[in-house]
């Protein structure tokens, strides 16, 4: 079934290819016959044959034109070709009949052979063959019967018929075989195309799988490289932080020893000033006292560097405090940056730890400096604002540096996050922690290439109820009568403390260690009113001593005194143990006297 279909399709395609030259050659032959017949035919017989020649020539030429114009479909090619053959055969037979010349049968013989060789469809080939043969026999018999050459004409016709039939059979067989070969070739081509398509699909699928695996591998490599880079950066930051921690501990140890020395010097100078008459020249002693105060500030800066300060609230004017640290900020930002510091008014009171606020301000200034590597302007403004339904004191730090994008702003307060090649990533996170500890908040506005404005908000509070008194004024008041347990491992510092306490009228029990202090309390028949103790001591430290003594005397009041506490007083909130107070070394005698009195009278703020 498939072979016959392919044979039919193939014969239709070849029919047009055969019909085109047949029509052209037929038109030329018929025009030649027209000329020949005009010359050779008698005048009485010429009209019919010439008219028939013209019809045949026109039919052949018209068929050729329609083929060129694509007007004849493939399926009609065989019928049209058969019609042309029969038309040409009729012209030959008409000429044979009119001239009564049986020699014209040679043209029929040629036509039969040509038809058998040219036709490509069995049905139409047989139709054309039989049609020509069927028309030729009666005419041949009519014009040649009774002539001497009748037998020869019949034999020639029979031989020609046999040759034509054989040619037609052979051609049709060859066409059928060729069609079968073409069908098999098409099947192989389709199978090959299907195989190629399947192979292409498999290759495409495998390529997609390999591409997906390659993309996954590349993504994994990128993620791994990024993780390794972040791990290296984190390791470097941790090492840097550990180095800073070591430096901080070293600075704290130096500050501890230095503060003990300053305590002895400053306290003795103040005691000497208090003992001098009013009209005495105190300039030299005042200069010495001023130098010790500046040295004390330096040690506090060392402690700020080591981040080992005790959280100790006090009420102070934030604007005034910021102006006081202007010189320190100028040294921090350098000469290439113009620093402007101002406060909108006096009396910008806040309840905060001044040392922590100074540290936060210093970190913000250093961060702004790093954002202006080529120099610029840094403005620090302290003012009172109202927002979120309450009153705040705001420190605005504004620079015209490189600025930050949204992603950097979102991560700027994360610990260890930094955009600088060398940095701990702890500066702004420390600021954030300090502000949170003071119940404040931060706001940031930054644009790349424009600069950054960072606002630090602290709750505003009422001014302090009382002013500090001098030691001479305190002595003029009612003397203390309570018992104070003084614990200090440094002999000189212990003697200064004992001298101050006795001057203020207190009964002093002095101990050089925690163990000695514990032994004294256990041997006493009366309670101790106040524990006045150093923090860092060999053996039992100040905090451990306070815990041991409170197990004996639960209501014991405690005042820790130290220039550096290390980790001994740290709690989860960063504040002092409950019910305890803290006094920085070196302390002023007046400051110590006032705080001790407030603690004993229950006026000191609870921490």
Protein backbone atom coordinates (compact mmCIF):
# COMPACT_ATOMS: atom_id res chain seq x y z
CA UNK A 1 0.00 0.00 0.00
CA UNK A 2 2.77 2.41 0.93
CA UNK A 3 4.69 1.51 -2.26
CA UNK A 4 1.68 2.19 -4.53
CA UNK A 5 1.10 5.53 -2.85
CA UNK A 6 4.74 6.50 -3.32
CA UNK A 7 4.59 5.28 -6.94
CA UNK A 8 1.54 7.44 -7.66
CA UNK A 9 3.09 10.49 -6.02
CA UNK A 10 6.36 9.92 -7.85
CA UNK A 11 4.61 9.47 -11.22
CA UNK A 12 2.61 12.65 -10.68
CA UNK A 13 5.77 14.58 -9.91
CA UNK A 14 7.52 13.14 -13.02
CA UNK A 15 4.45 13.63 -15.28
CA UNK A 16 4.80 17.40 -15.27
CA UNK A 17 8.52 17.07 -15.98
CA UNK A 18 7.65 14.89 -19.02
CA UNK A 19 4.65 16.96 -20.13
CA UNK A 20 6.60 20.21 -20.36
CA UNK A 21 9.01 19.09 -23.17
CA UNK A 22 6.21 17.02 -24.80
CA UNK A 23 4.06 20.12 -25.14
CA UNK A 24 6.95 22.22 -26.45
CA UNK A 25 8.14 19.59 -28.96
CA UNK A 26 4.54 18.87 -29.99
CA UNK A 27 3.95 22.55 -30.75
CA UNK A 28 7.12 22.70 -32.92
CA UNK A 29 6.25 19.46 -34.76
CA UNK A 30 2.70 20.60 -35.45
CA UNK A 31 3.96 23.90 -36.84
CA UNK A 32 6.31 21.88 -39.07
CA UNK A 33 3.39 19.71 -40.19
CA UNK A 34 1.42 22.88 -40.90
CA UNK A 35 4.08 24.18 -43.26
CA UNK A 36 4.57 20.75 -44.87
CA UNK A 37 0.87 20.22 -45.39
CA UNK A 38 0.43 23.66 -46.96
CA UNK A 39 3.05 22.73 -49.52
CA UNK A 40 2.40 19.04 -50.17
CA UNK A 41 -1.38 18.66 -49.81
CA UNK A 42 -3.58 19.25 -52.82
CA UNK A 43 -5.65 22.43 -52.65
CA UNK A 44 -8.92 20.56 -52.26
CA UNK A 45 -7.68 18.58 -49.25
CA UNK A 46 -5.52 21.24 -47.59
CA UNK A 47 -8.19 23.08 -45.50
CA UNK A 48 -9.11 20.30 -43.09
CA UNK A 49 -5.57 19.20 -42.33
CA UNK A 50 -4.26 22.75 -41.93
CA UNK A 51 -7.09 23.57 -39.51
CA UNK A 52 -6.29 20.45 -37.54
CA UNK A 53 -2.58 21.37 -37.54
CA UNK A 54 -3.41 24.79 -36.10
CA UNK A 55 -5.61 23.25 -33.37
CA UNK A 56 -2.89 20.79 -32.39
CA UNK A 57 -0.14 23.44 -32.37
CA UNK A 58 -2.34 25.76 -30.28
CA UNK A 59 -3.17 22.95 -27.83
CA UNK A 60 0.51 22.07 -27.37
CA UNK A 61 1.60 25.70 -26.99
CA UNK A 62 -1.25 26.45 -24.57
CA UNK A 63 -0.37 23.42 -22.48
CA UNK A 64 3.28 24.55 -22.29
CA UNK A 65 2.18 28.04 -21.20
CA UNK A 66 -0.15 26.70 -18.50
CA UNK A 67 2.65 24.50 -17.16
CA UNK A 68 5.01 27.51 -16.91
CA UNK A 69 2.28 29.49 -15.13
CA UNK A 70 1.70 26.63 -12.66
CA UNK A 71 -1.94 26.32 -13.66
CA UNK A 72 -1.90 22.55 -14.27
CA UNK A 73 -1.84 20.53 -11.01
CA UNK A 74 0.29 17.41 -10.67
CA UNK A 75 -2.69 15.08 -10.57
CA UNK A 76 -3.95 16.37 -13.98
CA UNK A 77 -0.62 16.01 -15.80
CA UNK A 78 -1.25 12.43 -16.99
CA UNK A 79 -4.68 13.23 -18.38
CA UNK A 80 -3.43 16.31 -20.20
CA UNK A 81 -0.46 14.38 -21.63
CA UNK A 82 -2.72 11.55 -22.81
CA UNK A 83 -5.00 14.09 -24.46
CA UNK A 84 -2.11 15.72 -26.34
CA UNK A 85 -0.85 12.33 -27.57
CA UNK A 86 -4.29 11.35 -28.84
CA UNK A 87 -4.69 14.77 -30.47
CA UNK A 88 -1.35 14.43 -32.29
CA UNK A 89 -2.25 10.86 -33.29
CA UNK A 90 -5.54 12.06 -34.69
CA UNK A 91 -3.69 14.64 -36.81
CA UNK A 92 -1.41 11.96 -38.27
CA UNK A 93 -4.32 9.64 -38.97
CA UNK A 94 -6.31 12.49 -40.57
CA UNK A 95 -3.41 13.21 -42.93
CA UNK A 96 -3.11 9.47 -43.71
CA UNK A 97 -6.85 9.24 -44.47
CA UNK A 98 -6.96 12.34 -46.61
CA UNK A 99 -3.93 11.40 -48.75
CA UNK A 100 -4.69 7.69 -48.76
CA UNK A 101 -1.00 7.20 -48.06
CA UNK A 102 -0.33 4.23 -45.71
CA UNK A 103 3.31 5.30 -45.43
CA UNK A 104 2.17 7.80 -42.82
CA UNK A 105 1.90 4.87 -40.42
CA UNK A 106 5.59 5.38 -39.61
CA UNK A 107 4.62 8.47 -37.66
CA UNK A 108 2.14 6.40 -35.69
CA UNK A 109 4.90 3.90 -34.96
CA UNK A 110 7.15 6.69 -33.68
CA UNK A 111 4.30 8.08 -31.58
CA UNK A 112 3.57 4.68 -30.03
CA UNK A 113 7.20 4.16 -29.08
CA UNK A 114 7.49 7.72 -27.71
CA UNK A 115 4.29 7.27 -25.72
CA UNK A 116 5.52 4.06 -24.19
CA UNK A 117 8.85 5.67 -23.27
CA UNK A 118 7.41 8.93 -21.93
CA UNK A 119 4.30 7.99 -19.92
CA UNK A 120 4.95 7.42 -16.19
CA UNK A 121 1.58 6.11 -14.95
CA UNK A 122 0.41 2.60 -15.78
CA UNK A 123 -3.25 3.58 -16.23
CA UNK A 124 -2.68 6.66 -18.34
CA UNK A 125 0.20 5.06 -20.25
CA UNK A 126 -2.02 2.15 -21.21
CA UNK A 127 -4.84 4.51 -22.08
CA UNK A 128 -2.62 6.56 -24.40
CA UNK A 129 -1.12 3.43 -25.98
CA UNK A 130 -4.47 1.76 -26.57
CA UNK A 131 -6.03 4.98 -27.76
CA UNK A 132 -3.36 5.57 -30.41
CA UNK A 133 -3.34 1.90 -31.39
CA UNK A 134 -7.09 1.69 -31.50
CA UNK A 135 -7.41 4.74 -33.77
CA UNK A 136 -4.55 3.63 -36.02
CA UNK A 137 -5.76 0.10 -36.90
CA UNK A 138 -9.03 1.10 -38.65
CA UNK A 139 -7.35 3.89 -40.57
CA UNK A 140 -4.44 1.65 -41.58
CA UNK A 141 -6.76 -1.09 -42.75
CA UNK A 142 -8.90 1.35 -44.66
CA UNK A 143 -6.08 3.01 -46.59
CA UNK A 144 -3.80 0.01 -47.14
CA UNK A 145 -6.17 -2.89 -47.72
CA UNK A 146 -5.70 -4.27 -51.23
CA UNK A 147 -2.39 -2.54 -51.73
CA UNK A 148 0.82 -4.46 -52.46
CA UNK A 149 2.39 -3.30 -49.25
CA UNK A 150 -0.53 -4.15 -46.91
CA UNK A 151 1.27 -7.05 -45.31
CA UNK A 152 4.39 -5.04 -44.75
CA UNK A 153 2.39 -2.25 -43.09
CA UNK A 154 0.56 -4.70 -40.85
CA UNK A 155 3.80 -6.42 -39.85
CA UNK A 156 5.47 -3.11 -39.13
CA UNK A 157 2.48 -2.04 -37.07
CA UNK A 158 2.50 -5.29 -35.14
CA UNK A 159 6.25 -5.08 -34.47
CA UNK A 160 5.97 -1.51 -33.41
CA UNK A 161 3.10 -2.40 -31.11
CA UNK A 162 5.15 -5.15 -29.50
CA UNK A 163 8.18 -2.92 -29.07
CA UNK A 164 6.03 -0.14 -27.63
CA UNK A 165 4.26 -2.55 -25.27
CA UNK A 166 7.59 -3.95 -24.12
CA UNK A 167 9.00 -0.48 -23.59
CA UNK A 168 5.88 0.54 -21.69
CA UNK A 169 6.03 -2.55 -19.50
CA UNK A 170 9.74 -2.13 -18.83
CA UNK A 171 9.39 1.55 -18.08
CA UNK A 172 6.49 1.02 -15.72
CA UNK A 173 8.46 -1.74 -13.97
CA UNK A 174 11.48 0.53 -13.66
CA UNK A 175 9.30 3.33 -12.37
CA UNK A 176 7.77 1.01 -9.82
CA UNK A 177 11.20 -0.20 -8.70
CA UNK A 178 12.49 3.37 -8.60
CA UNK A 179 9.48 4.40 -6.54
CA UNK A 180 10.10 1.53 -4.15
CA UNK A 181 13.75 2.57 -3.84
CA UNK A 182 12.70 6.14 -3.25
CA UNK A 183 10.13 5.01 -0.70
CA UNK A 184 12.75 2.98 1.15
CA UNK A 185 15.16 5.89 0.87
CA UNK A 186 12.53 8.22 2.28
CA UNK A 187 11.84 5.76 5.06
CA UNK A 188 15.56 5.59 5.83
CA UNK A 189 15.75 9.37 5.66
CA UNK A 190 12.79 9.69 8.01
CA UNK A 191 14.31 7.09 10.32
CA UNK A 192 17.62 8.93 10.15
CA UNK A 193 15.87 12.23 10.80
CA UNK A 194 13.97 10.68 13.70
CA UNK A 195 17.23 9.24 15.05
CA UNK A 196 18.97 12.60 14.61
CA UNK A 197 16.05 14.37 16.28
CA UNK A 198 16.13 11.87 19.14
CA UNK A 199 19.90 12.28 19.37
CA UNK A 200 19.54 16.07 19.33
CA UNK A 201 16.92 15.82 22.08
CA UNK A 202 19.17 13.56 24.15
CA UNK A 203 22.16 15.84 23.52
CA UNK A 204 20.06 18.88 24.45
CA UNK A 205 18.82 17.16 27.60
CA UNK A 206 22.33 16.03 28.56
CA UNK A 207 23.70 19.47 27.72
CA UNK A 208 21.04 21.07 29.91
CA UNK A 209 21.89 18.63 32.72
CA UNK A 210 25.61 19.36 32.34
CA UNK A 211 24.91 23.10 32.21
CA UNK A 212 22.75 22.83 35.31
CA UNK A 213 25.46 20.82 37.07
CA UNK A 214 28.08 23.32 35.91
CA UNK A 215 25.96 26.24 37.14
CA UNK A 216 25.40 24.47 40.46
CA UNK A 217 29.12 23.75 40.76
CA UNK A 218 29.99 27.33 39.86
CA UNK A 219 27.46 28.63 42.38
CA UNK A 220 28.86 26.28 45.01
CA UNK A 221 32.38 27.48 44.23
CA UNK A 222 31.28 31.12 44.48
CA UNK A 223 29.47 30.45 47.77
CA UNK A 224 32.48 28.52 49.07
CA UNK A 225 34.90 31.26 48.03
CA UNK A 226 32.63 33.85 49.63
CA UNK A 227 32.36 31.78 52.81
CA UNK A 228 36.14 31.27 52.90
CA UNK A 229 36.67 34.98 52.33
CA UNK A 230 34.19 35.86 55.08
CA UNK A 231 35.84 33.28 57.35
CA UNK A 232 39.26 34.81 56.68
CA UNK A 233 37.90 38.29 57.30
CA UNK A 234 36.18 37.12 60.49
CA UNK A 235 39.38 35.43 61.63
CA UNK A 236 41.36 38.59 60.94
CA UNK A 237 38.76 40.67 62.76
CA UNK A 238 38.77 38.29 65.70
CA UNK A 239 42.57 38.36 65.84
CA UNK A 240 42.47 42.13 65.65
CA UNK A 241 39.82 42.24 68.35
CA UNK A 242 41.92 39.90 70.49
CA UNK A 243 44.93 42.17 69.99
CA UNK A 244 42.80 45.12 71.02
CA UNK A 245 41.55 43.13 74.00
CA UNK A 246 45.14 42.42 75.00
CA UNK A 247 46.04 46.07 74.55
CA UNK A 248 42.96 47.00 76.52
CA UNK A 249 43.97 44.74 79.39
CA UNK A 250 47.48 46.14 79.28
CA UNK A 251 46.09 49.67 79.25
CA UNK A 252 43.77 48.77 82.10
CA UNK A 253 46.61 47.39 84.18
CA UNK A 254 48.65 50.54 83.58
CA UNK A 255 45.61 52.67 84.39
CA UNK A 256 45.07 50.75 87.63
CA UNK A 257 48.59 51.35 88.91
CA UNK A 258 48.63 54.90 87.60
CA UNK A 259 45.29 55.72 89.22
CA UNK A 260 46.53 54.45 92.57
CA UNK A 261 49.50 56.82 92.32
CA UNK A 262 47.26 59.69 91.24
CA UNK A 263 44.89 58.98 94.12
CA UNK A 264 47.71 59.39 96.63
CA UNK A 265 49.02 62.55 94.93
CA UNK A 266 45.68 64.28 94.33
CA UNK A 267 44.22 63.41 97.73
CA UNK A 268 47.30 64.58 99.60
CA UNK A 269 47.39 67.82 97.56
CA UNK A 270 43.74 68.49 98.35
CA UNK A 271 44.28 67.71 102.02
CA UNK A 272 47.22 70.09 102.01
CA UNK A 273 45.09 72.77 100.35
CA UNK A 274 42.36 72.29 102.94
CA UNK A 275 44.86 72.67 105.80
CA UNK A 276 46.42 75.87 104.45
CA UNK A 277 45.02 79.17 105.68
CA UNK A 278 42.77 81.14 103.33
CA UNK A 279 45.41 83.81 102.60
CA UNK A 280 48.18 81.30 101.77
CA UNK A 281 49.65 81.08 98.24
CA UNK A 282 48.08 77.94 96.81
CA UNK A 283 49.14 78.39 93.15
CA UNK A 284 51.75 75.62 93.12
CA UNK A 285 49.44 73.13 94.79
CA UNK A 286 46.55 74.09 92.46
CA UNK A 287 48.82 73.54 89.45
CA UNK A 288 49.74 70.13 90.80
CA UNK A 289 46.10 69.31 91.41
CA UNK A 290 45.18 70.39 87.87
CA UNK A 291 47.92 68.18 86.45
CA UNK A 292 46.63 65.18 88.38
CA UNK A 293 43.12 65.83 87.05
CA UNK A 294 44.40 65.92 83.46
CA UNK A 295 46.35 62.73 84.12
CA UNK A 296 43.16 61.16 85.48
CA UNK A 297 41.38 62.03 82.23
CA UNK A 298 44.14 60.31 80.28
CA UNK A 299 43.70 57.14 82.29
CA UNK A 300 39.95 57.25 81.65
CA UNK A 301 40.70 57.44 77.93
CA UNK A 302 42.90 54.37 78.32
CA UNK A 303 40.02 52.61 80.05
CA UNK A 304 37.67 53.69 77.25
CA UNK A 305 40.09 52.14 74.76
CA UNK A 306 39.98 48.90 76.70
CA UNK A 307 36.18 49.12 77.10
CA UNK A 308 36.44 48.27 80.80
CA UNK A 309 34.55 51.11 82.39
CA UNK A 310 31.83 50.59 84.93
CA UNK A 311 28.40 51.85 83.92
CA UNK A 312 27.74 54.65 86.41
CA UNK A 313 24.92 57.12 85.81
CA UNK A 314 25.05 60.73 86.84
CA UNK A 315 23.09 63.82 85.85
CA UNK A 316 25.15 66.28 83.79
CA UNK A 317 24.85 68.93 81.09
CA UNK A 318 25.48 67.03 77.84
CA UNK A 319 26.19 70.15 75.79
CA UNK A 320 28.81 71.34 78.25
CA UNK A 321 30.36 67.88 78.44
CA UNK A 322 30.67 67.62 74.64
CA UNK A 323 32.33 71.04 74.49
CA UNK A 324 34.79 69.94 77.17
CA UNK A 325 36.01 67.03 75.03
CA UNK A 326 36.48 69.22 71.94
CA UNK A 327 40.27 69.12 72.15
CA UNK A 328 40.28 65.34 72.44
CA UNK A 329 38.03 65.10 69.36
CA UNK A 330 40.28 67.48 67.42
CA UNK A 331 43.25 65.23 68.06
CA UNK A 332 41.22 62.20 67.00
CA UNK A 333 40.00 63.58 63.65
CA UNK A 334 43.27 65.27 62.66
CA UNK A 335 44.20 68.59 61.09
CA UNK A 336 42.71 67.91 57.64
CA UNK A 337 39.17 67.91 59.02
CA UNK A 338 37.45 71.10 60.18
CA UNK A 339 35.64 70.36 63.46
CA UNK A 340 32.70 72.48 64.65
CA UNK A 341 31.18 71.74 68.08
CA UNK A 342 28.26 73.71 69.52
CA UNK A 343 25.37 73.38 71.96
CA UNK A 344 22.06 75.11 71.33
CA UNK A 345 21.70 76.09 75.01
CA UNK A 346 22.88 75.39 78.53
CA UNK A 347 21.13 72.95 80.80
CA UNK A 348 20.82 70.02 78.37
CA UNK A 349 20.56 67.60 81.29
CA UNK A 350 20.77 63.83 80.83
CA UNK A 351 21.13 60.91 83.23
CA UNK A 352 23.95 58.87 81.76
CA UNK A 353 27.46 57.59 82.22
CA UNK A 354 29.64 60.48 80.98
CA UNK A 355 32.57 58.22 80.19
CA UNK A 356 30.43 55.95 78.03
CA UNK A 357 28.93 58.95 76.21
CA UNK A 358 32.44 60.29 75.58
CA UNK A 359 33.43 56.90 74.18
CA UNK A 360 30.39 56.83 71.86
CA UNK A 361 31.12 60.37 70.66
CA UNK A 362 34.77 59.47 70.07
CA UNK A 363 33.77 56.40 68.02
CA UNK A 364 31.39 58.50 65.90
CA UNK A 365 34.08 61.11 65.30
CA UNK A 366 36.64 58.49 64.27
CA UNK A 367 34.10 56.84 61.96
CA UNK A 368 33.37 60.22 60.33
CA UNK A 369 37.10 60.86 59.96
CA UNK A 370 37.56 57.57 58.12
CA UNK A 371 34.73 58.57 55.75
CA UNK A 372 36.71 61.71 54.75
CA UNK A 373 40.16 60.44 53.70
CA UNK A 374 40.83 63.63 51.73
CA UNK A 375 39.63 65.95 54.49
CA UNK A 376 36.29 67.66 55.02
CA UNK A 377 34.02 69.15 57.65
CA UNK A 378 32.64 67.50 60.79
CA UNK A 379 29.83 69.22 62.67
CA UNK A 380 28.76 68.14 66.18
CA UNK A 381 25.58 69.82 67.46
CA UNK A 382 23.88 69.19 70.81
CA UNK A 383 20.28 70.36 71.13
CA UNK A 384 16.94 69.62 72.76
CA UNK A 385 14.27 68.03 70.55
CA UNK A 386 10.79 66.60 71.01
CA UNK A 387 9.90 63.36 69.27
CA UNK A 388 8.05 60.14 70.04
CA UNK A 389 5.93 62.06 72.52
CA UNK A 390 8.75 63.05 74.90
CA UNK A 391 11.79 65.30 75.28
CA UNK A 392 15.26 64.22 74.18
CA UNK A 393 18.75 65.62 74.01
CA UNK A 394 20.20 64.92 70.57
CA UNK A 395 23.84 64.76 69.52
CA UNK A 396 23.97 65.27 65.76
CA UNK A 397 27.23 64.23 64.05
CA UNK A 398 27.30 65.30 60.39
CA UNK A 399 30.11 64.82 57.85
CA UNK A 400 30.49 65.40 54.11
CA UNK A 401 32.35 62.16 53.45
CA UNK A 402 31.80 59.29 51.05
CA UNK A 403 28.39 58.33 52.48
CA UNK A 404 26.76 54.89 52.59
CA UNK A 405 24.25 52.94 50.52
CA UNK A 406 21.15 51.27 51.92
CA UNK A 407 22.82 47.85 52.35
CA UNK A 408 25.69 49.34 54.36
CA UNK A 409 23.29 51.35 56.55
CA UNK A 410 21.35 48.16 57.27
CA UNK A 411 24.48 46.43 58.61
CA UNK A 412 26.53 49.31 60.04
CA UNK A 413 25.72 48.46 63.68
CA UNK A 414 26.49 44.74 63.33
CA UNK A 415 29.49 43.55 65.38
CA UNK A 416 32.59 42.97 63.23
CA UNK A 417 30.99 44.55 60.14
CA UNK A 418 33.33 47.06 58.53
CA UNK A 419 33.95 48.53 55.07
CA UNK A 420 37.47 49.63 55.98
CA UNK A 421 40.50 47.49 55.09
CA UNK A 422 41.77 47.75 58.67
CA UNK A 423 39.20 47.93 61.42
CA UNK A 424 37.55 45.86 64.12
CA UNK A 425 33.97 46.53 63.11
CA UNK A 426 33.24 47.19 66.80
CA UNK A 427 33.14 51.00 66.89
CA UNK A 428 29.55 51.58 65.78
CA UNK A 429 28.30 48.40 67.46
CA UNK A 430 29.75 49.77 70.71
CA UNK A 431 27.91 53.05 70.11
CA UNK A 432 24.70 51.14 69.53
CA UNK A 433 25.14 49.17 72.75
CA UNK A 434 25.86 52.32 74.78
CA UNK A 435 22.78 54.09 73.40
CA UNK A 436 20.57 51.07 74.10
CA UNK A 437 21.96 50.89 77.63
CA UNK A 438 20.91 54.52 78.15
CA UNK A 439 17.35 53.93 76.82
CA UNK A 440 18.10 56.01 73.75
CA UNK A 441 18.03 55.40 70.02
CA UNK A 442 19.93 56.22 66.82
CA UNK A 443 18.86 57.60 63.44
CA UNK A 444 21.01 57.56 60.30
CA UNK A 445 20.68 59.52 57.06
CA UNK A 446 23.34 58.93 54.43
CA UNK A 447 23.78 59.24 50.66
CA UNK A 448 26.76 57.98 48.67
CA UNK A 449 28.98 60.87 47.65
CA UNK A 450 27.10 63.36 49.85
CA UNK A 451 27.83 62.42 53.46
CA UNK A 452 26.29 61.00 56.61
CA UNK A 453 24.23 62.45 59.44
CA UNK A 454 23.98 60.31 62.58
CA UNK A 455 21.68 61.39 65.42
CA UNK A 456 22.14 60.01 68.94
CA UNK A 457 19.09 60.53 71.18
CA UNK A 458 19.24 60.39 75.00
CA UNK A 459 16.25 60.97 77.31
CA UNK A 460 16.25 64.48 78.76
CA UNK A 461 15.93 64.73 82.54
CA UNK A 462 15.55 67.32 85.30
CA UNK A 463 18.66 69.16 86.59
CA UNK A 464 20.41 67.78 89.70
CA UNK A 465 18.74 68.65 92.99
CA UNK A 466 21.94 69.67 94.78
CA UNK A 467 25.42 70.85 93.87
CA UNK A 468 28.62 69.21 95.06
CA UNK A 469 30.14 70.66 98.22
CA UNK A 470 33.79 71.21 98.97
CA UNK A 471 35.50 69.12 101.60
CA UNK A 472 35.84 72.21 103.79
CA UNK A 473 32.07 72.79 103.62
CA UNK A 474 31.44 69.13 104.42
CA UNK A 475 33.74 69.27 107.43
CA UNK A 476 31.87 72.32 108.61
CA UNK A 477 28.68 70.26 108.69
CA UNK A 478 27.76 67.40 110.95
CA UNK A 479 30.65 64.88 111.23
CA UNK A 480 30.12 61.23 110.41
CA UNK A 481 29.81 58.76 113.25
CA UNK A 482 29.36 55.48 111.35
CA UNK A 483 31.82 52.64 111.06
CA UNK A 484 33.50 52.27 107.66
CA UNK A 485 35.48 49.17 106.68
CA UNK A 486 38.31 50.34 104.36
CA UNK A 487 39.92 47.58 102.26
CA UNK A 488 42.89 48.48 100.02
CA UNK A 489 45.97 46.41 99.14
CA UNK A 490 48.14 49.48 98.27
CA UNK A 491 49.56 50.91 101.52
CA UNK A 492 49.80 54.54 100.33
CA UNK A 493 46.28 54.54 98.92
CA UNK A 494 44.93 52.88 102.08
CA UNK A 495 46.59 55.54 104.27
CA UNK A 496 45.08 58.35 102.15
CA UNK A 497 41.62 56.79 102.37
CA UNK A 498 41.94 56.25 106.10
CA UNK A 499 43.06 59.87 106.55
CA UNK A 500 40.05 61.22 104.61
CA UNK A 501 37.53 59.04 106.43
CA UNK A 502 38.89 59.90 109.87
CA UNK A 503 38.89 63.60 108.92
CA UNK A 504 35.19 63.32 108.18
CA UNK A 505 34.58 61.78 111.63
CA UNK A 506 34.04 58.15 110.69
CA UNK A 507 35.28 55.18 112.69
CA UNK A 508 37.66 53.43 110.31
CA UNK A 509 38.58 49.75 110.21
CA UNK A 510 41.45 49.30 107.71
CA UNK A 511 42.43 46.03 106.03
CA UNK A 512 45.05 45.22 103.40
CA UNK A 513 43.19 42.23 101.90
CA UNK A 514 39.78 40.64 101.61
CA UNK A 515 40.68 37.85 103.99
CA UNK A 516 41.80 40.34 106.65
CA UNK A 517 38.60 42.37 106.19
CA UNK A 518 36.45 39.24 106.57
CA UNK A 519 38.31 38.30 109.73
CA UNK A 520 37.77 41.80 111.19
CA UNK A 521 34.02 41.71 110.58
CA UNK A 522 33.68 38.21 112.01
CA UNK A 523 35.43 39.35 115.20
CA UNK A 524 33.34 42.52 115.65
CA UNK A 525 30.51 42.71 118.06
CA UNK A 526 28.83 45.58 116.20
CA UNK A 527 27.80 45.83 112.52
CA UNK A 528 29.75 47.72 109.88
CA UNK A 529 27.84 50.59 108.21
CA UNK A 530 29.77 50.82 104.93
CA UNK A 531 32.24 48.67 103.00
CA UNK A 532 34.72 51.01 101.22
CA UNK A 533 36.76 48.57 99.12
CA UNK A 534 39.12 48.36 96.18
CA UNK A 535 38.06 45.96 93.42
CA UNK A 536 41.27 44.42 92.08
CA UNK A 537 43.17 42.83 94.96
CA UNK A 538 45.29 39.69 95.31
CA UNK A 539 43.35 36.69 96.54
CA UNK A 540 39.79 37.71 97.30
CA UNK A 541 38.69 40.63 95.08
CA UNK A 542 36.32 43.38 96.14
CA UNK A 543 33.19 41.86 94.68
CA UNK A 544 33.80 38.47 96.30
CA UNK A 545 34.41 40.23 99.59
CA UNK A 546 31.12 42.12 99.30
CA UNK A 547 29.24 38.87 98.64
CA UNK A 548 30.88 37.16 101.66
CA UNK A 549 30.19 40.09 103.99
CA UNK A 550 26.57 40.43 102.84
CA UNK A 551 26.03 36.79 103.74
CA UNK A 552 26.94 37.88 107.30
CA UNK A 553 25.34 41.33 107.17
CA UNK A 554 22.66 41.43 104.42
CA UNK A 555 21.98 45.20 104.65
CA UNK A 556 25.63 46.18 104.35
CA UNK A 557 26.14 49.21 102.10
CA UNK A 558 28.97 48.89 99.57
CA UNK A 559 31.13 51.44 97.77
CA UNK A 560 33.58 50.02 95.23
CA UNK A 561 36.63 52.21 94.57
CA UNK A 562 38.95 51.45 91.66
CA UNK A 563 40.82 52.92 88.73
CA UNK A 564 40.30 49.72 86.72
CA UNK A 565 37.88 46.90 87.46
CA UNK A 566 38.70 44.39 84.72
CA UNK A 567 35.87 41.85 84.53
CA UNK A 568 35.30 41.70 88.29
CA UNK A 569 32.19 43.88 88.37
CA UNK A 570 30.61 42.84 85.04
CA UNK A 571 26.99 41.72 85.03
CA UNK A 572 24.66 40.81 82.21
CA UNK A 573 23.41 44.42 82.08
CA UNK A 574 26.90 45.91 82.36
CA UNK A 575 25.91 47.70 85.59
CA UNK A 576 27.05 47.34 89.19
CA UNK A 577 25.71 44.63 91.46
CA UNK A 578 22.41 45.55 93.08
CA UNK A 579 22.68 48.03 95.94
CA UNK A 580 26.35 48.86 95.24
CA UNK A 581 27.99 52.15 94.25
CA UNK A 582 31.19 53.01 92.45
CA UNK A 583 33.84 55.72 92.78
CA UNK A 584 36.59 56.16 90.19
CA UNK A 585 40.19 56.56 91.21
CA UNK A 586 41.69 59.09 91.43
CA UNK A 587 38.81 60.66 93.32
CA UNK A 588 38.55 64.11 94.81
CA UNK A 589 38.20 64.14 98.61
CA UNK A 590 35.11 66.33 98.34
CA UNK A 591 33.53 63.94 95.85
CA UNK A 592 34.30 60.92 98.05
CA UNK A 593 33.01 62.66 101.19
CA UNK A 594 29.74 63.65 99.52
CA UNK A 595 29.13 60.19 98.02
CA UNK A 596 29.86 58.38 101.30
CA UNK A 597 27.50 60.68 103.15
CA UNK A 598 24.76 60.21 100.56
CA UNK A 599 25.12 56.42 100.70
CA UNK A 600 24.93 56.31 104.47
CA UNK A 601 21.96 58.70 104.49
CA UNK A 602 20.17 56.74 101.76
CA UNK A 603 20.25 59.65 99.30
CA UNK A 604 22.59 58.11 96.72
CA UNK A 605 20.96 56.77 93.59
CA UNK A 606 20.54 53.01 93.64
CA UNK A 607 22.41 51.19 90.89
